[in-house]
C-alpha atoms as a PDB file:
ATOM      1  CA  UNK A   1    -190.917-106.266  57.053  1.00  0.00           C
ATOM      2  CA  UNK A   2    -187.866-103.998  57.293  1.00  0.00           C
ATOM      3  CA  UNK A   3    -187.140-104.757  53.627  1.00  0.00           C
ATOM      4  CA  UNK A   4    -190.268-102.723  52.754  1.00  0.00           C
ATOM      5  CA  UNK A   5    -189.076 -99.834  54.918  1.00  0.00           C
ATOM      6  CA  UNK A   6    -186.225 -98.867  52.584  1.00  0.00           C
ATOM      7  CA  UNK A   7    -183.255 -99.241  54.923  1.00  0.00           C
ATOM      8  CA  UNK A   8    -179.785 -99.503  53.376  1.00  0.00           C
ATOM      9  CA  UNK A   9    -176.356-100.547  54.577  1.00  0.00           C
ATOM     10  CA  UNK A  10    -174.465 -97.778  56.352  1.00  0.00           C
ATOM     11  CA  UNK A  11    -177.475 -95.693  57.358  1.00  0.00           C
ATOM     12  CA  UNK A  12    -177.524 -94.086  60.789  1.00  0.00           C
ATOM     13  CA  UNK A  13    -180.780 -94.589  62.671  1.00  0.00           C
ATOM     14  CA  UNK A  14    -181.847 -92.750  65.804  1.00  0.00           C
ATOM     15  CA  UNK A  15    -184.285 -94.744  67.931  1.00  0.00           C
ATOM     16  CA  UNK A  16    -186.739 -93.013  70.260  1.00  0.00           C
ATOM     17  CA  UNK A  17    -189.321 -94.547  72.584  1.00  0.00           C
ATOM     18  CA  UNK A  18    -187.907 -98.065  72.823  1.00  0.00           C
ATOM     19  CA  UNK A  19    -189.620-100.107  75.511  1.00  0.00           C
ATOM     20  CA  UNK A  20    -190.213-103.676  76.597  1.00  0.00           C
ATOM     21  CA  UNK A  21    -193.240-103.900  74.274  1.00  0.00           C
ATOM     22  CA  UNK A  22    -191.234-103.123  71.128  1.00  0.00           C
ATOM     23  CA  UNK A  23    -190.703-105.809  68.503  1.00  0.00           C
ATOM     24  CA  UNK A  24    -187.145-107.013  69.087  1.00  0.00           C
ATOM     25  CA  UNK A  25    -187.151-109.115  65.920  1.00  0.00           C
ATOM     26  CA  UNK A  26    -187.903-106.045  63.799  1.00  0.00           C
ATOM     27  CA  UNK A  27    -185.190-104.064  65.578  1.00  0.00           C
ATOM     28  CA  UNK A  28    -182.633-106.835  64.992  1.00  0.00           C
ATOM     29  CA  UNK A  29    -183.545-107.143  61.305  1.00  0.00           C
ATOM     30  CA  UNK A  30    -183.109-103.394  60.770  1.00  0.00           C
ATOM     31  CA  UNK A  31    -179.715-103.407  62.510  1.00  0.00           C
ATOM     32  CA  UNK A  32    -178.648-106.354  60.313  1.00  0.00           C
ATOM     33  CA  UNK A  33    -179.607-104.417  57.160  1.00  0.00           C
ATOM     34  CA  UNK A  34    -177.855-101.159  58.083  1.00  0.00           C
ATOM     35  CA  UNK A  35    -174.896-102.831  59.792  1.00  0.00           C
ATOM     36  CA  UNK A  36    -174.865-100.249  62.584  1.00  0.00           C
ATOM     37  CA  UNK A  37    -176.415-100.248  66.064  1.00  0.00           C
ATOM     38  CA  UNK A  38    -179.214 -97.778  66.716  1.00  0.00           C
ATOM     39  CA  UNK A  39    -178.213 -94.373  68.035  1.00  0.00           C
ATOM     40  CA  UNK A  40    -180.078 -93.387  71.201  1.00  0.00           C
ATOM     41  CA  UNK A  41    -181.511 -89.982  72.196  1.00  0.00           C
ATOM     42  CA  UNK A  42    -178.255 -88.569  73.579  1.00  0.00           C
ATOM     43  CA  UNK A  43    -176.568 -87.718  70.281  1.00  0.00           C
ATOM     44  CA  UNK A  44    -175.579 -84.786  68.128  1.00  0.00           C
ATOM     45  CA  UNK A  45    -175.362 -86.933  64.966  1.00  0.00           C
ATOM     46  CA  UNK A  46    -177.259 -86.155  61.791  1.00  0.00           C
ATOM     47  CA  UNK A  47    -179.116 -89.360  60.942  1.00  0.00           C
ATOM     48  CA  UNK A  48    -180.710 -90.930  57.878  1.00  0.00           C
ATOM     49  CA  UNK A  49    -183.766 -92.129  59.760  1.00  0.00           C
ATOM     50  CA  UNK A  50    -185.514 -91.556  63.058  1.00  0.00           C
ATOM     51  CA  UNK A  51    -187.459 -94.546  64.363  1.00  0.00           C
ATOM     52  CA  UNK A  52    -190.117 -93.457  66.879  1.00  0.00           C
ATOM     53  CA  UNK A  53    -191.954 -96.125  68.869  1.00  0.00           C
ATOM     54  CA  UNK A  54    -195.120 -94.281  69.910  1.00  0.00           C
ATOM     55  CA  UNK A  55    -198.135 -95.312  71.954  1.00  0.00           C
ATOM     56  CA  UNK A  56    -201.365 -93.490  72.760  1.00  0.00           C
ATOM     57  CA  UNK A  57    -200.151 -92.442  76.242  1.00  0.00           C
ATOM     58  CA  UNK A  58    -196.628 -91.392  75.181  1.00  0.00           C
ATOM     59  CA  UNK A  59    -197.387 -87.666  75.106  1.00  0.00           C
ATOM     60  CA  UNK A  60    -197.490 -85.330  72.126  1.00  0.00           C
ATOM     61  CA  UNK A  61    -196.572 -86.872  68.779  1.00  0.00           C
ATOM     62  CA  UNK A  62    -196.161 -83.437  67.186  1.00  0.00           C
ATOM     63  CA  UNK A  63    -193.449 -82.611  69.746  1.00  0.00           C
ATOM     64  CA  UNK A  64    -191.712 -85.941  69.031  1.00  0.00           C
ATOM     65  CA  UNK A  65    -191.724 -85.239  65.294  1.00  0.00           C
ATOM     66  CA  UNK A  66    -190.388 -81.698  65.697  1.00  0.00           C
ATOM     67  CA  UNK A  67    -187.656 -82.958  68.046  1.00  0.00           C
ATOM     68  CA  UNK A  68    -186.734 -85.682  65.524  1.00  0.00           C
ATOM     69  CA  UNK A  69    -186.210 -83.051  62.826  1.00  0.00           C
ATOM     70  CA  UNK A  70    -183.245 -81.656  64.764  1.00  0.00           C
ATOM     71  CA  UNK A  71    -181.333 -84.861  63.947  1.00  0.00           C
ATOM     72  CA  UNK A  72    -182.753 -85.792  60.541  1.00  0.00           C
ATOM     73  CA  UNK A  73    -180.823 -85.253  57.310  1.00  0.00           C
ATOM     74  CA  UNK A  74    -182.590 -83.282  54.572  1.00  0.00           C
ATOM     75  CA  UNK A  75    -183.333 -86.479  52.642  1.00  0.00           C
ATOM     76  CA  UNK A  76    -184.038 -88.563  55.738  1.00  0.00           C
ATOM     77  CA  UNK A  77    -187.207 -90.317  56.838  1.00  0.00           C
ATOM     78  CA  UNK A  78    -189.070 -90.736  60.080  1.00  0.00           C
ATOM     79  CA  UNK A  79    -190.851 -93.983  60.837  1.00  0.00           C
ATOM     80  CA  UNK A  80    -193.514 -93.720  63.529  1.00  0.00           C
ATOM     81  CA  UNK A  81    -194.199 -97.210  64.833  1.00  0.00           C
ATOM     82  CA  UNK A  82    -197.532 -97.578  66.636  1.00  0.00           C
ATOM     83  CA  UNK A  83    -199.449-100.559  68.020  1.00  0.00           C
ATOM     84  CA  UNK A  84    -201.906-102.048  65.532  1.00  0.00           C
ATOM     85  CA  UNK A  85    -205.675-101.532  65.879  1.00  0.00           C
ATOM     86  CA  UNK A  86    -206.991-103.432  68.891  1.00  0.00           C
ATOM     87  CA  UNK A  87    -203.614-103.489  70.678  1.00  0.00           C
ATOM     88  CA  UNK A  88    -202.855-101.565  73.879  1.00  0.00           C
ATOM     89  CA  UNK A  89    -201.569 -98.087  73.038  1.00  0.00           C
ATOM     90  CA  UNK A  90    -203.087 -97.945  69.523  1.00  0.00           C
ATOM     91  CA  UNK A  91    -202.894 -94.462  67.964  1.00  0.00           C
ATOM     92  CA  UNK A  92    -205.609 -93.404  65.511  1.00  0.00           C
ATOM     93  CA  UNK A  93    -204.419 -92.741  61.955  1.00  0.00           C
ATOM     94  CA  UNK A  94    -206.119 -89.333  62.058  1.00  0.00           C
ATOM     95  CA  UNK A  95    -204.066 -88.385  65.146  1.00  0.00           C
ATOM     96  CA  UNK A  96    -200.856 -89.290  63.318  1.00  0.00           C
ATOM     97  CA  UNK A  97    -201.910 -87.295  60.243  1.00  0.00           C
ATOM     98  CA  UNK A  98    -202.776 -84.258  62.402  1.00  0.00           C
ATOM     99  CA  UNK A  99    -199.367 -84.381  64.121  1.00  0.00           C
ATOM    100  CA  UNK A 100    -197.579 -84.744  60.781  1.00  0.00           C
ATOM    101  CA  UNK A 101    -199.396 -81.724  59.331  1.00  0.00           C
ATOM    102  CA  UNK A 102    -198.783 -79.537  62.389  1.00  0.00           C
ATOM    103  CA  UNK A 103    -195.071 -80.467  62.315  1.00  0.00           C
ATOM    104  CA  UNK A 104    -194.905 -79.361  58.657  1.00  0.00           C
ATOM    105  CA  UNK A 105    -194.111 -82.839  57.339  1.00  0.00           C
ATOM    106  CA  UNK A 106    -195.654 -85.253  54.810  1.00  0.00           C
ATOM    107  CA  UNK A 107    -196.994 -88.727  55.490  1.00  0.00           C
ATOM    108  CA  UNK A 108    -196.185 -91.056  52.594  1.00  0.00           C
ATOM    109  CA  UNK A 109    -197.297 -94.580  53.541  1.00  0.00           C
ATOM    110  CA  UNK A 110    -198.443 -96.863  56.331  1.00  0.00           C
ATOM    111  CA  UNK A 111    -197.555-100.559  56.401  1.00  0.00           C
ATOM    112  CA  UNK A 112    -197.619-103.501  58.803  1.00  0.00           C
ATOM    113  CA  UNK A 113    -194.029-103.850  60.031  1.00  0.00           C
ATOM    114  CA  UNK A 114    -194.394-106.497  62.756  1.00  0.00           C
ATOM    115  CA  UNK A 115    -197.144-108.700  64.236  1.00  0.00           C
ATOM    116  CA  UNK A 116    -198.264-105.982  66.674  1.00  0.00           C
ATOM    117  CA  UNK A 117    -196.885-102.816  65.056  1.00  0.00           C
ATOM    118  CA  UNK A 118    -197.744-100.542  62.148  1.00  0.00           C
ATOM    119  CA  UNK A 119    -195.196 -98.169  60.592  1.00  0.00           C
ATOM    120  CA  UNK A 120    -196.020 -94.758  59.160  1.00  0.00           C
ATOM    121  CA  UNK A 121    -193.367 -93.237  56.901  1.00  0.00           C
ATOM    122  CA  UNK A 122    -192.934 -89.475  57.233  1.00  0.00           C
ATOM    123  CA  UNK A 123    -190.682 -87.156  55.243  1.00  0.00           C
ATOM    124  CA  UNK A 124    -189.857 -83.488  54.781  1.00  0.00           C
ATOM    125  CA  UNK A 125    -192.362 -81.672  52.625  1.00  0.00           C
ATOM    126  CA  UNK A 126    -191.111 -81.038  49.121  1.00  0.00           C
ATOM    127  CA  UNK A 127    -190.163 -77.423  48.556  1.00  0.00           C
ATOM    128  CA  UNK A 128    -192.589 -75.593  46.305  1.00  0.00           C
ATOM    129  CA  UNK A 129    -191.085 -74.057  43.169  1.00  0.00           C
END
C-alpha cells in the first residue's frame, strides 16, 4: 500500500521504532519508491517524512511526534504505523488523535498499509490567516 501513502522518488525518510514485528515488505516497497535507504534516529538531516512504528507499550506518542518535528521539513508528513485492531500492541484511534492534538499537528487520514499495520498520516497544522 505504499502507493497510497504518497511517497516520491528522492524523498528522505526517517524511520523510528523499527522492530522485528514490522512489515519488511512494506519497508522494502517504500525504499524502492524513494530510491534511498531509510535514515535512522542518529541524524541531523531535514527529512520529507518520518515513519514511526508505534505500539501500545512504546511510551508516549506525543513525545515521539514532537521529537519527529525536529527533523521534519515544513511540508513534510509523519506516518504513525500501528498494529491493526485485534493485534498485539494495537493503539486506539482516540489515543492517536489526542497525541496529534497535543503535539499541535493535524491528522489527515488513516489507511491499511500492510496485513497487520494501519497508517495514520499526520501533518503540520495549516497557518491561520
